């Protein structure tokens, strides 16, 4: 059976080629596949660059956040994507993430959403769990954000001794706990609840209040304080 003939991008009408289309109609006129196709540059004998882009998007459920979590090695699993093309994609998406994070300026924590925005540069698009600590002064201004531990896809370890050692050494009046769920599920596990209770009780003894524990996902968050679980 003869395979259907596919036009090379150079054989497309000029106004339909991604690069020319961007110049003629502007960046907003391009689809995600066309923009990704520009990053890929050229295709293979079987697929043009836009078709390759569509394949990557389809495998990621057309979710750019999922693509942003792919490593160079992950992208190279797609036929036609080598080191150079994978690096182009990873670099472009990282620039987009940094552009977003550069607009985040939070000095004082007044609500859970402040913590969520403040931690986006550190926790967005991660495929593994990380546990962080925010150290605050009496005015709830941030003294420092401190990484505590890094784990796998489904868990990380937070040592209470390490957490309060950081708080004491920086003379923090209070702390906020933050860790991410790469799965996107904001619901706290039983282990999350036990740890939060344990740290809150320890904080009372040291007169260092645990103000909140935020579970971070790319699209939302869970606040122990907002749900009256502290």
Protein backbone atom coordinates (compact mmCIF):
# COMPACT_ATOMS: atom_id res chain seq x y z
CA UNK A 1 0.00 0.00 0.00
CA UNK A 2 1.41 3.38 -0.99
CA UNK A 3 1.97 5.80 1.88
CA UNK A 4 0.16 9.17 1.57
CA UNK A 5 2.43 11.83 0.16
CA UNK A 6 3.37 14.54 2.65
CA UNK A 7 4.48 17.97 1.54
CA UNK A 8 7.71 19.31 2.94
CA UNK A 9 7.16 22.63 4.76
CA UNK A 10 9.12 24.38 2.00
CA UNK A 11 6.43 23.18 -0.43
CA UNK A 12 3.62 24.75 1.60
CA UNK A 13 2.04 28.00 0.51
CA UNK A 14 4.26 30.77 1.88
CA UNK A 15 1.55 32.15 4.18
CA UNK A 16 1.16 28.70 5.77
CA UNK A 17 4.82 28.10 6.58
CA UNK A 18 5.33 28.76 10.33
CA UNK A 19 8.22 31.23 10.03
CA UNK A 20 6.68 33.15 7.14
CA UNK A 21 3.26 33.06 8.81
CA UNK A 22 4.75 34.61 11.95
CA UNK A 23 6.31 37.41 9.90
CA UNK A 24 3.14 38.02 7.89
CA UNK A 25 0.45 37.62 10.56
CA UNK A 26 2.25 37.88 13.91
CA UNK A 27 3.07 35.35 16.62
CA UNK A 28 -0.50 35.11 17.94
CA UNK A 29 -1.66 33.66 14.60
CA UNK A 30 0.43 30.51 15.09
CA UNK A 31 -0.80 27.37 16.79
CA UNK A 32 1.18 25.66 19.55
CA UNK A 33 2.27 23.04 17.01
CA UNK A 34 3.54 25.70 14.62
CA UNK A 35 5.48 27.51 17.34
CA UNK A 36 6.98 24.24 18.53
CA UNK A 37 7.74 23.35 14.91
CA UNK A 38 9.83 26.51 14.58
CA UNK A 39 11.89 25.41 17.59
CA UNK A 40 12.36 21.94 16.09
CA UNK A 41 13.55 23.52 12.86
CA UNK A 42 13.31 20.67 10.37
CA UNK A 43 11.62 17.32 10.20
CA UNK A 44 12.47 13.81 9.11
CA UNK A 45 11.85 11.90 5.87
CA UNK A 46 8.46 10.84 7.21
CA UNK A 47 7.35 13.91 9.19
CA UNK A 48 7.86 17.64 8.80
CA UNK A 49 8.67 19.81 11.82
CA UNK A 50 5.03 20.72 12.52
CA UNK A 51 3.99 17.05 12.39
CA UNK A 52 6.77 16.24 14.87
CA UNK A 53 5.47 19.02 17.09
CA UNK A 54 1.92 17.67 16.86
CA UNK A 55 3.17 14.23 17.89
CA UNK A 56 4.88 15.67 20.99
CA UNK A 57 1.77 17.68 21.87
CA UNK A 58 -0.54 14.69 21.44
CA UNK A 59 1.65 12.52 23.70
CA UNK A 60 1.48 15.31 26.31
CA UNK A 61 -2.33 15.71 26.03
CA UNK A 62 -1.74 19.12 24.42
CA UNK A 63 -0.59 20.36 27.83
CA UNK A 64 2.36 22.77 27.58
CA UNK A 65 2.99 22.36 31.30
CA UNK A 66 3.64 18.66 30.73
CA UNK A 67 6.03 19.43 27.89
CA UNK A 68 7.84 21.91 30.13
CA UNK A 69 8.54 19.07 32.56
CA UNK A 70 10.20 16.93 29.88
CA UNK A 71 13.97 16.63 30.02
CA UNK A 72 16.31 16.49 27.04
CA UNK A 73 16.39 12.71 27.40
CA UNK A 74 12.58 12.53 27.52
CA UNK A 75 12.28 14.55 24.30
CA UNK A 76 14.88 12.43 22.54
CA UNK A 77 12.53 9.44 22.86
CA UNK A 78 10.49 10.98 20.04
CA UNK A 79 11.77 9.83 16.66
CA UNK A 80 13.37 12.77 14.89
CA UNK A 81 14.29 14.69 18.07
CA UNK A 82 18.00 14.70 18.80
CA UNK A 83 20.15 16.64 21.25
CA UNK A 84 20.02 19.96 19.41
CA UNK A 85 16.25 19.99 18.91
CA UNK A 86 15.56 18.81 22.45
CA UNK A 87 17.86 21.50 23.87
CA UNK A 88 16.06 24.18 21.80
CA UNK A 89 12.69 23.13 23.23
CA UNK A 90 13.91 22.87 26.84
CA UNK A 91 15.69 26.23 26.61
CA UNK A 92 12.69 28.05 25.12
CA UNK A 93 10.29 26.72 27.76
CA UNK A 94 12.73 27.58 30.55
CA UNK A 95 12.92 31.16 29.25
CA UNK A 96 9.12 31.29 29.36
CA UNK A 97 9.14 30.04 32.96
CA UNK A 98 11.76 32.62 33.96
CA UNK A 99 9.83 35.42 32.27
CA UNK A 100 6.82 34.54 34.41
CA UNK A 101 8.88 34.26 37.60
CA UNK A 102 10.58 37.63 36.98
CA UNK A 103 7.19 39.30 37.43
CA UNK A 104 6.70 37.78 40.89
CA UNK A 105 7.62 40.11 43.72
CA UNK A 106 6.46 39.16 47.21
CA UNK A 107 8.19 40.57 50.26
CA UNK A 108 5.49 40.14 52.88
CA UNK A 109 3.22 37.13 53.30
CA UNK A 110 -0.38 38.03 54.03
CA UNK A 111 -2.23 35.03 52.58
CA UNK A 112 -1.65 31.55 51.16
CA UNK A 113 -1.77 32.78 47.56
CA UNK A 114 1.28 34.99 48.31
CA UNK A 115 3.24 31.84 49.17
CA UNK A 116 2.01 30.08 46.04
CA UNK A 117 3.13 32.92 43.77
CA UNK A 118 6.44 33.32 45.59
CA UNK A 119 7.32 29.65 45.21
CA UNK A 120 6.43 29.29 41.53
CA UNK A 121 10.01 29.92 40.32
CA UNK A 122 11.26 27.06 42.49
CA UNK A 123 8.50 24.47 42.19
CA UNK A 124 6.72 24.97 38.86
CA UNK A 125 7.16 22.19 36.29
CA UNK A 126 9.06 19.84 38.61
CA UNK A 127 8.67 16.10 38.07
CA UNK A 128 9.88 15.25 41.61
CA UNK A 129 8.94 16.42 45.11
CA UNK A 130 10.83 19.12 46.97
CA UNK A 131 10.31 20.46 50.49
CA UNK A 132 11.02 24.15 51.19
CA UNK A 133 10.87 26.40 54.22
CA UNK A 134 10.00 30.09 54.34
CA UNK A 135 11.55 31.94 57.28
CA UNK A 136 9.63 35.02 58.41
CA UNK A 137 10.20 37.86 60.87
CA UNK A 138 7.60 39.29 63.25
CA UNK A 139 6.10 41.41 60.46
CA UNK A 140 5.66 38.30 58.27
CA UNK A 141 8.32 39.57 55.90
CA UNK A 142 10.44 36.88 54.25
CA UNK A 143 13.93 36.49 55.71
CA UNK A 144 14.87 33.59 53.47
CA UNK A 145 13.50 30.67 51.46
CA UNK A 146 15.38 27.51 52.31
CA UNK A 147 15.35 24.16 50.45
CA UNK A 148 15.08 21.27 52.92
CA UNK A 149 14.97 18.10 50.87
CA UNK A 150 14.43 16.62 47.44
CA UNK A 151 12.72 13.34 46.75
CA UNK A 152 11.16 11.22 44.06
CA UNK A 153 7.86 11.40 42.22
CA UNK A 154 5.78 10.50 45.27
CA UNK A 155 7.59 11.77 48.34
CA UNK A 156 10.32 13.67 50.12
CA UNK A 157 11.61 13.73 53.69
CA UNK A 158 11.49 16.75 55.99
CA UNK A 159 13.65 16.51 59.13
CA UNK A 160 12.15 18.61 61.99
CA UNK A 161 15.60 19.12 63.54
CA UNK A 162 16.92 20.57 60.28
CA UNK A 163 13.86 22.77 59.81
CA UNK A 164 14.03 24.37 63.24
CA UNK A 165 17.82 24.64 63.12
CA UNK A 166 17.39 26.92 60.09
CA UNK A 167 14.67 28.89 61.87
CA UNK A 168 16.76 29.39 65.01
CA UNK A 169 19.95 30.29 63.17
CA UNK A 170 18.13 33.02 61.22
CA UNK A 171 16.18 34.24 64.26
CA UNK A 172 12.89 33.57 62.48
CA UNK A 173 9.69 34.33 64.37
CA UNK A 174 7.61 32.00 62.23
CA UNK A 175 7.89 29.58 59.35
CA UNK A 176 5.79 28.36 56.44
CA UNK A 177 6.22 24.85 55.07
CA UNK A 178 5.93 24.25 51.33
CA UNK A 179 6.19 21.11 49.26
CA UNK A 180 4.96 20.16 45.82
CA UNK A 181 2.89 17.30 44.43
CA UNK A 182 4.05 16.61 40.84
CA UNK A 183 0.89 14.52 40.31
CA UNK A 184 -1.21 17.70 40.43
CA UNK A 185 -3.27 16.35 43.35
CA UNK A 186 -3.54 18.99 46.07
CA UNK A 187 -5.07 16.65 48.65
CA UNK A 188 -2.70 16.16 51.63
CA UNK A 189 -1.66 12.61 52.42
CA UNK A 190 -1.88 11.19 55.94
CA UNK A 191 1.91 11.56 56.12
CA UNK A 192 1.54 15.26 55.21
CA UNK A 193 -0.99 15.71 58.01
CA UNK A 194 1.17 13.91 60.59
CA UNK A 195 4.26 15.91 59.66
CA UNK A 196 2.38 19.21 59.80
CA UNK A 197 0.99 18.40 63.26
CA UNK A 198 4.41 17.28 64.49
CA UNK A 199 6.12 20.46 63.27
CA UNK A 200 3.37 22.73 64.60
CA UNK A 201 3.72 21.16 68.07
CA UNK A 202 7.51 21.46 67.98
CA UNK A 203 7.20 25.08 66.91
CA UNK A 204 5.05 25.90 69.93
CA UNK A 205 7.76 24.60 72.27
CA UNK A 206 10.39 26.75 70.53
CA UNK A 207 8.05 29.76 70.19
CA UNK A 208 8.40 29.61 66.41
CA UNK A 209 4.94 29.52 64.89
CA UNK A 210 4.19 27.29 61.92
CA UNK A 211 1.84 29.63 60.07
CA UNK A 212 0.94 27.35 57.19
CA UNK A 213 1.83 24.31 55.13
CA UNK A 214 1.26 24.78 51.40
CA UNK A 215 0.94 21.86 49.00
CA UNK A 216 1.97 23.26 45.62
CA UNK A 217 0.90 22.01 42.18
CA UNK A 218 1.34 23.70 38.82
CA UNK A 219 -2.31 24.74 38.66
CA UNK A 220 -3.41 25.12 42.28
CA UNK A 221 -2.49 24.73 45.94
CA UNK A 222 -3.75 23.50 49.29
CA UNK A 223 -3.34 25.57 52.46
CA UNK A 224 -3.49 23.84 55.84
CA UNK A 225 -4.20 27.20 57.46
CA UNK A 226 -7.07 28.05 55.12
CA UNK A 227 -8.61 24.63 55.80
CA UNK A 228 -8.18 25.03 59.60
CA UNK A 229 -5.86 22.04 59.83
CA UNK A 230 -3.20 23.77 61.92
